[in-house]
Amino acid sequence: MSDPRVGLTVTHRRYVPYSHAHYAGSLVDGAYALGLFGDVATEVCIRTDGDEGLFASYADVQFRAPMRAGDVLE
């Protein structure tokens, strides 16, 4: 019997509102992105375990491109 959790995909798309822009050039802080990762992890936990999970830590976080208000993140 195969495990239905194998190959599970969760995709969130979010519009970044201008109310989250705190820096020049309409830049959004990295904590906003980390919050989105937490939202996706929570959905994965609910789908696979039936209950919310909790991120205990992040081992490595690298921001490769700026996030700006008005962007749509996926």
N, C-alpha and C. Protein backbone atom coordinates (compact mmCIF):
# COMPACT_ATOMS: atom_id res chain seq x y z
N MET A 1 0.85 -1.18 0.00
CA MET A 1 0.00 0.00 0.00
C MET A 1 0.89 1.24 0.00
N SER A 2 0.57 2.21 -0.81
CA SER A 2 1.39 3.42 -0.90
C SER A 2 0.93 4.45 0.13
N ASP A 3 1.86 5.29 0.52
CA ASP A 3 1.60 6.34 1.51
C ASP A 3 1.03 7.56 0.78
N PRO A 4 -0.20 7.99 1.11
CA PRO A 4 -0.79 9.14 0.40
C PRO A 4 -0.07 10.45 0.68
N ARG A 5 0.80 10.48 1.69
CA ARG A 5 1.53 11.70 2.00
C ARG A 5 2.71 11.91 1.06
N VAL A 6 3.18 10.83 0.44
CA VAL A 6 4.31 10.95 -0.49
C VAL A 6 3.85 11.71 -1.73
N GLY A 7 4.57 12.76 -2.06
CA GLY A 7 4.22 13.58 -3.21
C GLY A 7 3.21 14.67 -2.92
N LEU A 8 2.83 14.83 -1.65
CA LEU A 8 1.89 15.89 -1.27
C LEU A 8 2.46 17.25 -1.65
N THR A 9 1.64 18.06 -2.28
CA THR A 9 2.05 19.41 -2.66
C THR A 9 1.09 20.41 -2.04
N VAL A 10 1.66 21.43 -1.44
CA VAL A 10 0.86 22.53 -0.89
C VAL A 10 1.40 23.82 -1.49
N THR A 11 0.53 24.59 -2.11
CA THR A 11 0.94 25.86 -2.72
C THR A 11 0.02 26.96 -2.21
N HIS A 12 0.63 28.00 -1.69
CA HIS A 12 -0.13 29.19 -1.28
C HIS A 12 0.29 30.33 -2.20
N ARG A 13 -0.66 31.12 -2.61
CA ARG A 13 -0.37 32.34 -3.36
C ARG A 13 -0.89 33.50 -2.54
N ARG A 14 -0.04 34.48 -2.33
CA ARG A 14 -0.44 35.62 -1.51
C ARG A 14 -0.05 36.92 -2.17
N TYR A 15 -0.96 37.84 -2.16
CA TYR A 15 -0.69 39.22 -2.56
C TYR A 15 -0.08 39.90 -1.34
N VAL A 16 1.02 40.61 -1.54
CA VAL A 16 1.66 41.33 -0.44
C VAL A 16 1.05 42.73 -0.37
N PRO A 17 0.30 43.00 0.68
CA PRO A 17 -0.36 44.31 0.76
C PRO A 17 0.61 45.43 1.10
N TYR A 18 0.26 46.61 0.68
CA TYR A 18 1.11 47.77 0.94
C TYR A 18 1.22 48.08 2.42
N SER A 19 0.30 47.59 3.21
CA SER A 19 0.37 47.82 4.66
C SER A 19 1.54 47.08 5.30
N HIS A 20 2.13 46.13 4.58
CA HIS A 20 3.29 45.39 5.10
C HIS A 20 4.63 45.98 4.65
N ALA A 21 4.59 47.00 3.84
CA ALA A 21 5.83 47.64 3.38
C ALA A 21 6.33 48.58 4.47
N HIS A 22 7.51 48.29 5.01
CA HIS A 22 8.06 49.09 6.10
C HIS A 22 9.36 49.80 5.72
N TYR A 23 9.85 49.57 4.51
CA TYR A 23 11.14 50.11 4.13
C TYR A 23 11.03 50.85 2.80
N ALA A 24 12.05 51.64 2.50
CA ALA A 24 12.08 52.38 1.24
C ALA A 24 11.95 51.43 0.07
N GLY A 25 11.33 51.91 -0.99
CA GLY A 25 11.15 51.09 -2.17
C GLY A 25 10.05 50.06 -2.01
N SER A 26 9.17 50.27 -1.04
CA SER A 26 8.06 49.36 -0.76
C SER A 26 8.53 47.96 -0.38
N LEU A 27 9.72 47.87 0.23
CA LEU A 27 10.24 46.57 0.65
C LEU A 27 9.50 46.04 1.87
N VAL A 28 9.38 44.73 1.92
CA VAL A 28 8.71 44.03 3.02
C VAL A 28 9.76 43.25 3.80
N ASP A 29 9.63 43.22 5.12
CA ASP A 29 10.64 42.54 5.94
C ASP A 29 10.57 41.02 5.78
N GLY A 30 11.68 40.38 6.08
CA GLY A 30 11.79 38.93 5.93
C GLY A 30 10.87 38.15 6.85
N ALA A 31 10.49 38.73 7.96
CA ALA A 31 9.58 38.04 8.88
C ALA A 31 8.24 37.73 8.20
N TYR A 32 7.85 38.56 7.25
CA TYR A 32 6.61 38.30 6.52
C TYR A 32 6.72 36.98 5.76
N ALA A 33 7.86 36.75 5.10
CA ALA A 33 8.07 35.50 4.36
C ALA A 33 8.12 34.31 5.29
N LEU A 34 8.77 34.46 6.43
CA LEU A 34 8.84 33.35 7.38
C LEU A 34 7.45 32.98 7.89
N GLY A 35 6.60 33.98 8.06
CA GLY A 35 5.22 33.71 8.46
C GLY A 35 4.48 32.89 7.41
N LEU A 36 4.77 33.16 6.13
CA LEU A 36 4.13 32.39 5.06
C LEU A 36 4.60 30.95 5.06
N PHE A 37 5.89 30.73 5.33
CA PHE A 37 6.39 29.36 5.44
C PHE A 37 5.67 28.63 6.58
N GLY A 38 5.44 29.33 7.68
CA GLY A 38 4.71 28.73 8.79
C GLY A 38 3.28 28.35 8.40
N ASP A 39 2.64 29.18 7.59
CA ASP A 39 1.28 28.88 7.13
C ASP A 39 1.25 27.61 6.29
N VAL A 40 2.23 27.47 5.40
CA VAL A 40 2.31 26.28 4.55
C VAL A 40 2.60 25.04 5.40
N ALA A 41 3.53 25.16 6.34
CA ALA A 41 3.85 24.03 7.21
C ALA A 41 2.64 23.60 8.03
N THR A 42 1.86 24.55 8.49
CA THR A 42 0.65 24.23 9.24
C THR A 42 -0.33 23.45 8.38
N GLU A 43 -0.50 23.86 7.13
CA GLU A 43 -1.40 23.13 6.24
C GLU A 43 -0.91 21.72 5.97
N VAL A 44 0.40 21.56 5.77
CA VAL A 44 0.96 20.23 5.57
C VAL A 44 0.68 19.34 6.79
N CYS A 45 0.90 19.88 7.98
CA CYS A 45 0.65 19.11 9.20
C CYS A 45 -0.81 18.71 9.33
N ILE A 46 -1.71 19.62 9.02
CA ILE A 46 -3.14 19.31 9.11
C ILE A 46 -3.51 18.22 8.12
N ARG A 47 -2.99 18.31 6.91
CA ARG A 47 -3.32 17.31 5.89
C ARG A 47 -2.73 15.94 6.20
N THR A 48 -1.54 15.91 6.77
CA THR A 48 -0.87 14.63 6.99
C THR A 48 -1.14 14.03 8.36
N ASP A 49 -1.32 14.87 9.39
CA ASP A 49 -1.48 14.38 10.75
C ASP A 49 -2.84 14.72 11.36
N GLY A 50 -3.60 15.58 10.70
CA GLY A 50 -4.89 15.96 11.22
C GLY A 50 -4.84 16.99 12.33
N ASP A 51 -3.66 17.57 12.58
CA ASP A 51 -3.51 18.54 13.64
C ASP A 51 -2.44 19.55 13.24
N GLU A 52 -2.53 20.74 13.83
CA GLU A 52 -1.53 21.77 13.54
C GLU A 52 -0.17 21.38 14.10
N GLY A 53 0.86 21.81 13.42
CA GLY A 53 2.21 21.59 13.90
C GLY A 53 2.79 22.90 14.39
N LEU A 54 4.06 22.87 14.70
CA LEU A 54 4.74 24.07 15.16
C LEU A 54 6.18 24.05 14.68
N PHE A 55 6.61 25.13 14.04
CA PHE A 55 8.01 25.26 13.67
C PHE A 55 8.81 25.57 14.92
N ALA A 56 9.76 24.72 15.23
CA ALA A 56 10.60 24.96 16.41
C ALA A 56 11.76 25.86 16.07
N SER A 57 12.27 25.74 14.83
CA SER A 57 13.39 26.59 14.43
C SER A 57 13.56 26.52 12.91
N TYR A 58 14.37 27.41 12.42
CA TYR A 58 14.78 27.41 11.02
C TYR A 58 16.28 27.19 11.01
N ALA A 59 16.76 26.22 10.26
CA ALA A 59 18.19 25.92 10.23
C ALA A 59 18.96 26.91 9.37
N ASP A 60 18.39 27.33 8.26
CA ASP A 60 19.11 28.21 7.35
C ASP A 60 18.08 29.00 6.54
N VAL A 61 18.18 30.30 6.62
CA VAL A 61 17.26 31.16 5.87
C VAL A 61 18.10 32.10 5.01
N GLN A 62 17.85 32.09 3.72
CA GLN A 62 18.55 32.98 2.80
C GLN A 62 17.52 33.65 1.91
N PHE A 63 17.50 34.96 1.94
CA PHE A 63 16.60 35.71 1.09
C PHE A 63 17.34 36.05 -0.19
N ARG A 64 16.84 35.54 -1.30
CA ARG A 64 17.53 35.66 -2.59
C ARG A 64 17.04 36.80 -3.45
N ALA A 65 15.88 37.33 -3.12
CA ALA A 65 15.32 38.42 -3.91
C ALA A 65 14.45 39.27 -2.98
N PRO A 66 14.32 40.55 -3.28
CA PRO A 66 13.49 41.41 -2.43
C PRO A 66 12.01 41.09 -2.59
N MET A 67 11.26 41.28 -1.53
CA MET A 67 9.81 41.21 -1.58
C MET A 67 9.30 42.64 -1.46
N ARG A 68 8.40 42.97 -2.34
CA ARG A 68 7.85 44.32 -2.34
C ARG A 68 6.34 44.28 -2.24
N ALA A 69 5.78 45.31 -1.67
CA ALA A 69 4.33 45.44 -1.64
C ALA A 69 3.82 45.42 -3.07
N GLY A 70 2.73 44.72 -3.29
CA GLY A 70 2.16 44.57 -4.63
C GLY A 70 2.58 43.27 -5.30
N ASP A 71 3.60 42.60 -4.77
CA ASP A 71 4.03 41.31 -5.32
C ASP A 71 3.00 40.23 -5.01
N VAL A 72 2.99 39.20 -5.83
CA VAL A 72 2.23 38.00 -5.54
C VAL A 72 3.27 36.91 -5.32
N LEU A 73 3.28 36.32 -4.13
CA LEU A 73 4.26 35.30 -3.78
C LEU A 73 3.61 33.92 -3.91
N GLU A 74 4.42 32.97 -4.35
CA GLU A 74 3.94 31.58 -4.44
C GLU A 74 5.00 30.67 -3.90
